[in-house]
Amino acid sequence: MLVIVAALACLALGWWQWKRFESASGTGQNLGYALQWPLFAGFAVFAYFRFVRLESEAEADANAAEPTAEPAAAKARRRPAKADAPREIPAGLLPERPKAARDDDPVLAEYNKYLSELHAKDIDQHIQDAGLAHDTQRSAG
C-alpha cells in the first residue's frame, strides 16, 4: 500500500512539475524535475519487488536448510544457493590514506611547544575564572 501511495505521489509531483514547466514562469529546472519524478516512482516499485524477491529467497534458503522430504522435481526447480558476499573490503582495493609528514625541524618543534604551553595557560585561566579548583594530578579512573 505504501509503495502505491509513494508511486502515485511521485507521478503527481511529476505532473505538477510538467504543468509548472508549461506555465509562463516555467524553467528548464521544472522540466528536469518533471522527468525525474516518474523515475522515482519506477524505482519505488522496482525496489519493492526486489525486496519481496530477496525476502522470499532468504525464506526459501532457510526452509532448504531444514531437513525435509522434498520431491526431486522441487529440488530441480530451486535456484542454487548464492555464495556469501564478502563482508569486508579486501586489502589493497582502496588507496592508502596519506600519512602526515614528520617534520624534524627544531624551529617548528619549538613553536609547537610554545603553542601547547599557551593553550595550557589559557585552559588554566578559564578554570580559575570559572572558580573551579584545578587539580594538577589527574587520575585515570
N, C-alpha and C. Protein backbone atom coordinates (compact mmCIF):
# COMPACT_ATOMS: atom_id res chain seq x y z
N MET A 1 0.83 -1.19 0.00
CA MET A 1 0.00 0.00 0.00
C MET A 1 0.88 1.26 0.00
N LEU A 2 1.93 1.24 0.83
CA LEU A 2 2.82 2.40 0.89
C LEU A 2 3.51 2.63 -0.45
N VAL A 3 3.87 1.54 -1.14
CA VAL A 3 4.54 1.67 -2.43
C VAL A 3 3.61 2.32 -3.45
N ILE A 4 2.35 1.95 -3.42
CA ILE A 4 1.37 2.53 -4.35
C ILE A 4 1.21 4.02 -4.07
N VAL A 5 1.11 4.37 -2.80
CA VAL A 5 0.96 5.78 -2.44
C VAL A 5 2.21 6.56 -2.84
N ALA A 6 3.37 5.99 -2.59
CA ALA A 6 4.62 6.67 -2.95
C ALA A 6 4.73 6.85 -4.46
N ALA A 7 4.41 5.81 -5.21
CA ALA A 7 4.49 5.91 -6.67
C ALA A 7 3.49 6.93 -7.21
N LEU A 8 2.27 6.91 -6.68
CA LEU A 8 1.27 7.89 -7.13
C LEU A 8 1.68 9.31 -6.75
N ALA A 9 2.25 9.48 -5.57
CA ALA A 9 2.72 10.80 -5.16
C ALA A 9 3.83 11.29 -6.09
N CYS A 10 4.75 10.40 -6.45
CA CYS A 10 5.84 10.78 -7.36
C CYS A 10 5.29 11.16 -8.73
N LEU A 11 4.33 10.38 -9.21
CA LEU A 11 3.73 10.70 -10.52
C LEU A 11 2.97 12.02 -10.45
N ALA A 12 2.28 12.28 -9.35
CA ALA A 12 1.56 13.55 -9.21
C ALA A 12 2.53 14.72 -9.16
N LEU A 13 3.64 14.55 -8.47
CA LEU A 13 4.64 15.61 -8.43
C LEU A 13 5.25 15.83 -9.81
N GLY A 14 5.45 14.76 -10.56
CA GLY A 14 5.94 14.89 -11.93
C GLY A 14 4.96 15.67 -12.80
N TRP A 15 3.68 15.35 -12.66
CA TRP A 15 2.63 16.07 -13.41
C TRP A 15 2.63 17.54 -13.01
N TRP A 16 2.73 17.83 -11.73
CA TRP A 16 2.74 19.21 -11.24
C TRP A 16 3.94 19.97 -11.81
N GLN A 17 5.11 19.34 -11.83
CA GLN A 17 6.28 20.00 -12.38
C GLN A 17 6.14 20.22 -13.89
N TRP A 18 5.48 19.30 -14.57
CA TRP A 18 5.25 19.47 -16.00
C TRP A 18 4.36 20.68 -16.26
N LYS A 19 3.31 20.82 -15.44
CA LYS A 19 2.43 21.98 -15.58
C LYS A 19 3.18 23.27 -15.26
N ARG A 20 4.06 23.21 -14.27
CA ARG A 20 4.87 24.39 -13.94
C ARG A 20 5.79 24.74 -15.11
N PHE A 21 6.34 23.72 -15.78
CA PHE A 21 7.22 23.95 -16.92
C PHE A 21 6.46 24.61 -18.06
N GLU A 22 5.22 24.19 -18.28
CA GLU A 22 4.42 24.74 -19.37
C GLU A 22 3.89 26.13 -19.07
N SER A 23 3.92 26.56 -17.81
CA SER A 23 3.40 27.87 -17.45
C SER A 23 4.37 28.96 -17.92
N ALA A 24 3.93 30.19 -17.80
CA ALA A 24 4.75 31.32 -18.27
C ALA A 24 6.03 31.46 -17.45
N SER A 25 6.01 31.05 -16.20
CA SER A 25 7.20 31.19 -15.36
C SER A 25 8.02 29.89 -15.28
N GLY A 26 7.69 28.91 -16.11
CA GLY A 26 8.39 27.63 -16.07
C GLY A 26 9.82 27.73 -16.58
N THR A 27 10.68 26.89 -16.01
CA THR A 27 12.09 26.89 -16.41
C THR A 27 12.51 25.46 -16.78
N GLY A 28 13.72 25.35 -17.21
CA GLY A 28 14.27 24.04 -17.53
C GLY A 28 14.41 23.16 -16.30
N GLN A 29 14.55 23.80 -15.15
CA GLN A 29 14.63 23.04 -13.91
C GLN A 29 13.31 22.30 -13.66
N ASN A 30 12.19 22.95 -13.97
CA ASN A 30 10.90 22.28 -13.83
C ASN A 30 10.79 21.09 -14.77
N LEU A 31 11.33 21.24 -15.98
CA LEU A 31 11.31 20.12 -16.92
C LEU A 31 12.15 18.97 -16.39
N GLY A 32 13.30 19.27 -15.84
CA GLY A 32 14.14 18.23 -15.26
C GLY A 32 13.43 17.49 -14.15
N TYR A 33 12.78 18.23 -13.26
CA TYR A 33 12.03 17.60 -12.18
C TYR A 33 10.86 16.78 -12.73
N ALA A 34 10.21 17.29 -13.76
CA ALA A 34 9.09 16.57 -14.36
C ALA A 34 9.53 15.23 -14.92
N LEU A 35 10.75 15.15 -15.40
CA LEU A 35 11.27 13.89 -15.92
C LEU A 35 11.82 12.99 -14.82
N GLN A 36 12.27 13.58 -13.72
CA GLN A 36 12.83 12.79 -12.63
C GLN A 36 11.76 12.09 -11.79
N TRP A 37 10.66 12.76 -11.51
CA TRP A 37 9.66 12.18 -10.60
C TRP A 37 9.12 10.84 -11.08
N PRO A 38 8.82 10.65 -12.37
CA PRO A 38 8.39 9.31 -12.79
C PRO A 38 9.47 8.25 -12.60
N LEU A 39 10.73 8.64 -12.73
CA LEU A 39 11.82 7.69 -12.47
C LEU A 39 11.83 7.28 -11.00
N PHE A 40 11.57 8.23 -10.11
CA PHE A 40 11.50 7.91 -8.69
C PHE A 40 10.35 6.95 -8.41
N ALA A 41 9.22 7.16 -9.08
CA ALA A 41 8.08 6.26 -8.90
C ALA A 41 8.44 4.86 -9.37
N GLY A 42 9.08 4.77 -10.53
CA GLY A 42 9.51 3.46 -11.04
C GLY A 42 10.50 2.79 -10.11
N PHE A 43 11.40 3.57 -9.51
CA PHE A 43 12.36 2.98 -8.59
C PHE A 43 11.67 2.45 -7.34
N ALA A 44 10.66 3.15 -6.84
CA ALA A 44 9.94 2.68 -5.65
C ALA A 44 9.30 1.33 -5.93
N VAL A 45 8.68 1.19 -7.11
CA VAL A 45 8.04 -0.08 -7.47
C VAL A 45 9.10 -1.16 -7.66
N PHE A 46 10.18 -0.84 -8.36
CA PHE A 46 11.26 -1.81 -8.57
C PHE A 46 11.83 -2.28 -7.25
N ALA A 47 12.12 -1.35 -6.34
CA ALA A 47 12.72 -1.70 -5.05
C ALA A 47 11.78 -2.59 -4.25
N TYR A 48 10.49 -2.31 -4.30
CA TYR A 48 9.53 -3.13 -3.57
C TYR A 48 9.58 -4.58 -4.07
N PHE A 49 9.49 -4.76 -5.38
CA PHE A 49 9.50 -6.12 -5.90
C PHE A 49 10.85 -6.80 -5.69
N ARG A 50 11.92 -6.04 -5.73
CA ARG A 50 13.24 -6.62 -5.47
C ARG A 50 13.35 -7.11 -4.03
N PHE A 51 12.89 -6.29 -3.08
CA PHE A 51 12.94 -6.69 -1.68
C PHE A 51 12.04 -7.88 -1.40
N VAL A 52 10.88 -7.92 -2.05
CA VAL A 52 9.98 -9.07 -1.87
C VAL A 52 10.68 -10.33 -2.37
N ARG A 53 11.33 -10.24 -3.52
CA ARG A 53 12.02 -11.41 -4.07
C ARG A 53 13.19 -11.85 -3.17
N LEU A 54 13.97 -10.89 -2.68
CA LEU A 54 15.08 -11.24 -1.79
C LEU A 54 14.57 -11.87 -0.50
N GLU A 55 13.46 -11.37 0.01
CA GLU A 55 12.89 -11.92 1.23
C GLU A 55 12.40 -13.34 1.01
N SER A 56 11.76 -13.60 -0.13
CA SER A 56 11.27 -14.95 -0.39
C SER A 56 12.44 -15.91 -0.64
N GLU A 57 13.53 -15.42 -1.27
CA GLU A 57 14.71 -16.27 -1.45
C GLU A 57 15.35 -16.61 -0.12
N ALA A 58 15.43 -15.63 0.78
CA ALA A 58 16.00 -15.89 2.10
C ALA A 58 15.14 -16.89 2.86
N GLU A 59 13.84 -16.76 2.73
CA GLU A 59 12.92 -17.69 3.39
C GLU A 59 13.07 -19.09 2.80
N ALA A 60 13.22 -19.16 1.49
CA ALA A 60 13.38 -20.46 0.84
C ALA A 60 14.72 -21.10 1.25
N ASP A 61 15.77 -20.29 1.38
CA ASP A 61 17.05 -20.82 1.83
C ASP A 61 16.96 -21.33 3.25
N ALA A 62 16.23 -20.62 4.09
CA ALA A 62 16.06 -21.05 5.48
C ALA A 62 15.27 -22.36 5.53
N ASN A 63 14.27 -22.48 4.68
CA ASN A 63 13.49 -23.72 4.64
C ASN A 63 14.30 -24.86 4.05
N ALA A 64 15.20 -24.54 3.12
CA ALA A 64 16.02 -25.57 2.50
C ALA A 64 17.03 -26.12 3.49
N ALA A 65 17.41 -25.31 4.46
CA ALA A 65 18.37 -25.77 5.46
C ALA A 65 17.76 -26.81 6.39
N GLU A 66 16.43 -26.76 6.53
CA GLU A 66 15.75 -27.74 7.37
C GLU A 66 15.63 -29.05 6.60
N PRO A 67 15.94 -30.17 7.24
CA PRO A 67 15.83 -31.46 6.52
C PRO A 67 14.35 -31.84 6.36
N THR A 68 13.94 -31.91 5.12
CA THR A 68 12.56 -32.32 4.81
C THR A 68 12.60 -33.30 3.64
N ALA A 69 11.52 -33.97 3.47
CA ALA A 69 11.41 -34.88 2.34
C ALA A 69 10.87 -34.09 1.15
N GLU A 70 11.79 -33.47 0.40
CA GLU A 70 11.40 -32.65 -0.73
C GLU A 70 11.43 -33.49 -2.00
N PRO A 71 10.41 -33.37 -2.82
CA PRO A 71 10.42 -34.14 -4.07
C PRO A 71 11.56 -33.70 -4.99
N ALA A 72 12.01 -34.61 -5.83
CA ALA A 72 13.14 -34.33 -6.73
C ALA A 72 12.80 -33.20 -7.71
N ALA A 73 11.55 -33.10 -8.15
CA ALA A 73 11.16 -32.06 -9.09
C ALA A 73 11.28 -30.68 -8.44
N ALA A 74 10.93 -30.57 -7.17
CA ALA A 74 11.03 -29.30 -6.47
C ALA A 74 12.48 -28.92 -6.27
N LYS A 75 13.34 -29.90 -6.02
CA LYS A 75 14.77 -29.62 -5.87
C LYS A 75 15.36 -29.11 -7.17
N ALA A 76 14.89 -29.63 -8.28
CA ALA A 76 15.41 -29.22 -9.58
C ALA A 76 15.00 -27.79 -9.91
N ARG A 77 13.81 -27.37 -9.48
CA ARG A 77 13.32 -26.03 -9.78
C ARG A 77 13.97 -24.97 -8.90
N ARG A 78 14.44 -25.36 -7.74
CA ARG A 78 15.00 -24.40 -6.80
C ARG A 78 16.32 -23.86 -7.34
N ARG A 79 16.55 -22.58 -7.11
CA ARG A 79 17.79 -21.95 -7.55
C ARG A 79 18.95 -22.44 -6.71
N PRO A 80 20.14 -22.51 -7.30
CA PRO A 80 21.30 -22.87 -6.48
C PRO A 80 21.59 -21.75 -5.49
N ALA A 81 22.11 -22.14 -4.35
CA ALA A 81 22.42 -21.16 -3.30
C ALA A 81 23.53 -20.23 -3.77
N LYS A 82 23.37 -18.96 -3.47
CA LYS A 82 24.38 -17.97 -3.84
C LYS A 82 25.52 -18.02 -2.84
N ALA A 83 26.68 -17.75 -3.34
CA ALA A 83 27.84 -17.68 -2.45
C ALA A 83 27.70 -16.43 -1.57
N ASP A 84 28.16 -16.53 -0.34
CA ASP A 84 28.07 -15.39 0.55
C ASP A 84 28.91 -14.26 0.01
N ALA A 85 28.33 -13.07 0.05
CA ALA A 85 29.05 -11.88 -0.41
C ALA A 85 30.09 -11.52 0.64
N PRO A 86 31.22 -10.98 0.21
CA PRO A 86 32.23 -10.58 1.19
C PRO A 86 31.69 -9.47 2.08
N ARG A 87 32.02 -9.54 3.36
CA ARG A 87 31.54 -8.57 4.33
C ARG A 87 32.56 -7.47 4.60
N GLU A 88 33.80 -7.65 4.16
CA GLU A 88 34.84 -6.66 4.38
C GLU A 88 35.44 -6.24 3.05
N ILE A 89 35.99 -5.06 3.04
CA ILE A 89 36.66 -4.57 1.84
C ILE A 89 38.02 -5.24 1.77
N PRO A 90 38.33 -5.90 0.65
CA PRO A 90 39.64 -6.57 0.55
C PRO A 90 40.79 -5.56 0.65
N ALA A 91 41.88 -6.01 1.24
CA ALA A 91 43.06 -5.15 1.38
C ALA A 91 43.60 -4.81 0.00
N GLY A 92 44.03 -3.59 -0.16
CA GLY A 92 44.61 -3.15 -1.42
C GLY A 92 43.59 -2.65 -2.43
N LEU A 93 42.29 -2.75 -2.13
CA LEU A 93 41.27 -2.30 -3.07
C LEU A 93 41.18 -0.78 -3.08
N LEU A 94 41.22 -0.18 -1.91
CA LEU A 94 41.15 1.26 -1.79
C LEU A 94 42.56 1.83 -1.68
N PRO A 95 42.74 3.08 -2.11
CA PRO A 95 44.06 3.68 -1.97
C PRO A 95 44.39 3.90 -0.50
N GLU A 96 45.67 3.87 -0.19
CA GLU A 96 46.11 4.07 1.18
C GLU A 96 45.85 5.51 1.60
N ARG A 97 45.54 5.68 2.88
CA ARG A 97 45.37 7.03 3.41
C ARG A 97 46.73 7.71 3.45
N PRO A 98 46.75 9.00 3.13
CA PRO A 98 48.04 9.69 3.18
C PRO A 98 48.51 9.83 4.63
N LYS A 99 49.76 9.66 4.82
CA LYS A 99 50.37 9.78 6.14
C LYS A 99 50.86 11.22 6.32
N ALA A 100 50.72 11.72 7.52
CA ALA A 100 51.22 13.06 7.82
C ALA A 100 52.75 13.03 7.82
N ALA A 101 53.31 13.98 7.16
CA ALA A 101 54.76 14.03 7.06
C ALA A 101 55.34 14.43 8.41
N ARG A 102 56.35 13.70 8.87
CA ARG A 102 57.02 14.02 10.12
C ARG A 102 58.09 15.06 9.80
N ASP A 103 57.95 16.18 10.41
CA ASP A 103 58.92 17.24 10.17
C ASP A 103 59.80 17.35 11.41
N ASP A 104 61.07 17.12 11.24
CA ASP A 104 62.02 17.17 12.35
C ASP A 104 62.69 18.54 12.45
N ASP A 105 61.98 19.55 12.03
CA ASP A 105 62.51 20.91 12.09
C ASP A 105 62.52 21.38 13.54
N PRO A 106 63.67 21.73 14.11
CA PRO A 106 63.71 22.14 15.52
C PRO A 106 62.97 23.45 15.78
N VAL A 107 62.94 24.36 14.80
CA VAL A 107 62.23 25.62 14.98
C VAL A 107 60.73 25.36 15.07
N LEU A 108 60.23 24.47 14.21
CA LEU A 108 58.81 24.12 14.24
C LEU A 108 58.45 23.41 15.53
N ALA A 109 59.32 22.52 16.00
CA ALA A 109 59.07 21.82 17.25
C ALA A 109 59.01 22.81 18.41
N GLU A 110 59.91 23.81 18.43
CA GLU A 110 59.89 24.83 19.48
C GLU A 110 58.61 25.65 19.43
N TYR A 111 58.18 26.00 18.22
CA TYR A 111 56.95 26.78 18.06
C TYR A 111 55.73 25.98 18.54
N ASN A 112 55.68 24.70 18.19
CA ASN A 112 54.56 23.87 18.64
C ASN A 112 54.55 23.72 20.16
N LYS A 113 55.72 23.62 20.76
CA LYS A 113 55.81 23.54 22.22
C LYS A 113 55.31 24.83 22.84
N TYR A 114 55.67 25.96 22.26
CA TYR A 114 55.21 27.27 22.73
C TYR A 114 53.68 27.35 22.64
N LEU A 115 53.10 26.90 21.51
CA LEU A 115 51.65 26.94 21.35
C LEU A 115 50.95 26.05 22.38
N SER A 116 51.51 24.89 22.66
CA SER A 116 50.89 24.00 23.64
C SER A 116 50.95 24.60 25.04
N GLU A 117 52.04 25.30 25.37
CA GLU A 117 52.13 25.98 26.66
C GLU A 117 51.11 27.11 26.76
N LEU A 118 50.93 27.88 25.68
CA LEU A 118 49.92 28.93 25.67
C LEU A 118 48.52 28.34 25.88
N HIS A 119 48.27 27.24 25.23
CA HIS A 119 46.97 26.59 25.36
C HIS A 119 46.74 26.11 26.79
N ALA A 120 47.77 25.53 27.40
CA ALA A 120 47.64 25.06 28.78
C ALA A 120 47.39 26.24 29.73
N LYS A 121 48.08 27.37 29.51
CA LYS A 121 47.85 28.55 30.34
C LYS A 121 46.43 29.08 30.14
N ASP A 122 45.96 29.05 28.91
CA ASP A 122 44.61 29.52 28.62
C ASP A 122 43.57 28.64 29.32
N ILE A 123 43.77 27.36 29.30
CA ILE A 123 42.85 26.43 29.99
C ILE A 123 42.88 26.69 31.49
N ASP A 124 44.07 26.87 32.05
CA ASP A 124 44.18 27.16 33.48
C ASP A 124 43.46 28.45 33.84
N GLN A 125 43.57 29.46 32.98
CA GLN A 125 42.90 30.73 33.23
C GLN A 125 41.38 30.56 33.19
N HIS A 126 40.88 29.79 32.24
CA HIS A 126 39.43 29.54 32.16
C HIS A 126 38.94 28.79 33.41
N ILE A 127 39.73 27.87 33.90
CA ILE A 127 39.35 27.11 35.10
C ILE A 127 39.31 28.04 36.31
N GLN A 128 40.29 28.93 36.42
CA GLN A 128 40.31 29.87 37.54
C GLN A 128 39.16 30.85 37.44
N ASP A 129 38.86 31.34 36.22
CA ASP A 129 37.75 32.27 36.03
C ASP A 129 36.41 31.63 36.39
N ALA A 130 36.29 30.34 36.16
CA ALA A 130 35.04 29.64 36.47
C ALA A 130 34.94 29.30 37.95
N GLY A 131 36.02 29.50 38.68
CA GLY A 131 36.01 29.21 40.11
C GLY A 131 36.16 27.75 40.42
N LEU A 132 36.66 27.00 39.52
CA LEU A 132 36.87 25.57 39.74
C LEU A 132 38.29 25.34 40.24
N ALA A 133 38.42 24.36 41.10
CA ALA A 133 39.76 24.03 41.58
C ALA A 133 40.48 23.26 40.51
N HIS A 134 41.69 23.63 40.25
CA HIS A 134 42.48 22.96 39.23
C HIS A 134 43.34 21.89 39.91
N ASP A 135 43.03 20.65 39.60
CA ASP A 135 43.77 19.53 40.17
C ASP A 135 44.90 19.18 39.22
N THR A 136 46.11 19.31 39.69
CA THR A 136 47.25 19.07 38.83
C THR A 136 47.50 17.60 38.63
N GLN A 137 47.03 16.77 39.54
CA GLN A 137 47.19 15.33 39.39
C GLN A 137 45.85 14.74 38.99
N ARG A 138 45.84 14.16 37.84
CA ARG A 138 44.60 13.58 37.34
C ARG A 138 44.69 12.08 37.41
N SER A 139 43.59 11.48 37.76
CA SER A 139 43.58 10.01 37.83
C SER A 139 42.98 9.47 36.54
N ALA A 140 43.31 8.24 36.23
CA ALA A 140 42.81 7.62 35.00
C ALA A 140 41.42 7.03 35.22
N GLY A 141 40.93 7.01 36.38
CA GLY A 141 39.63 6.39 36.52
C GLY A 141 39.03 6.77 37.78
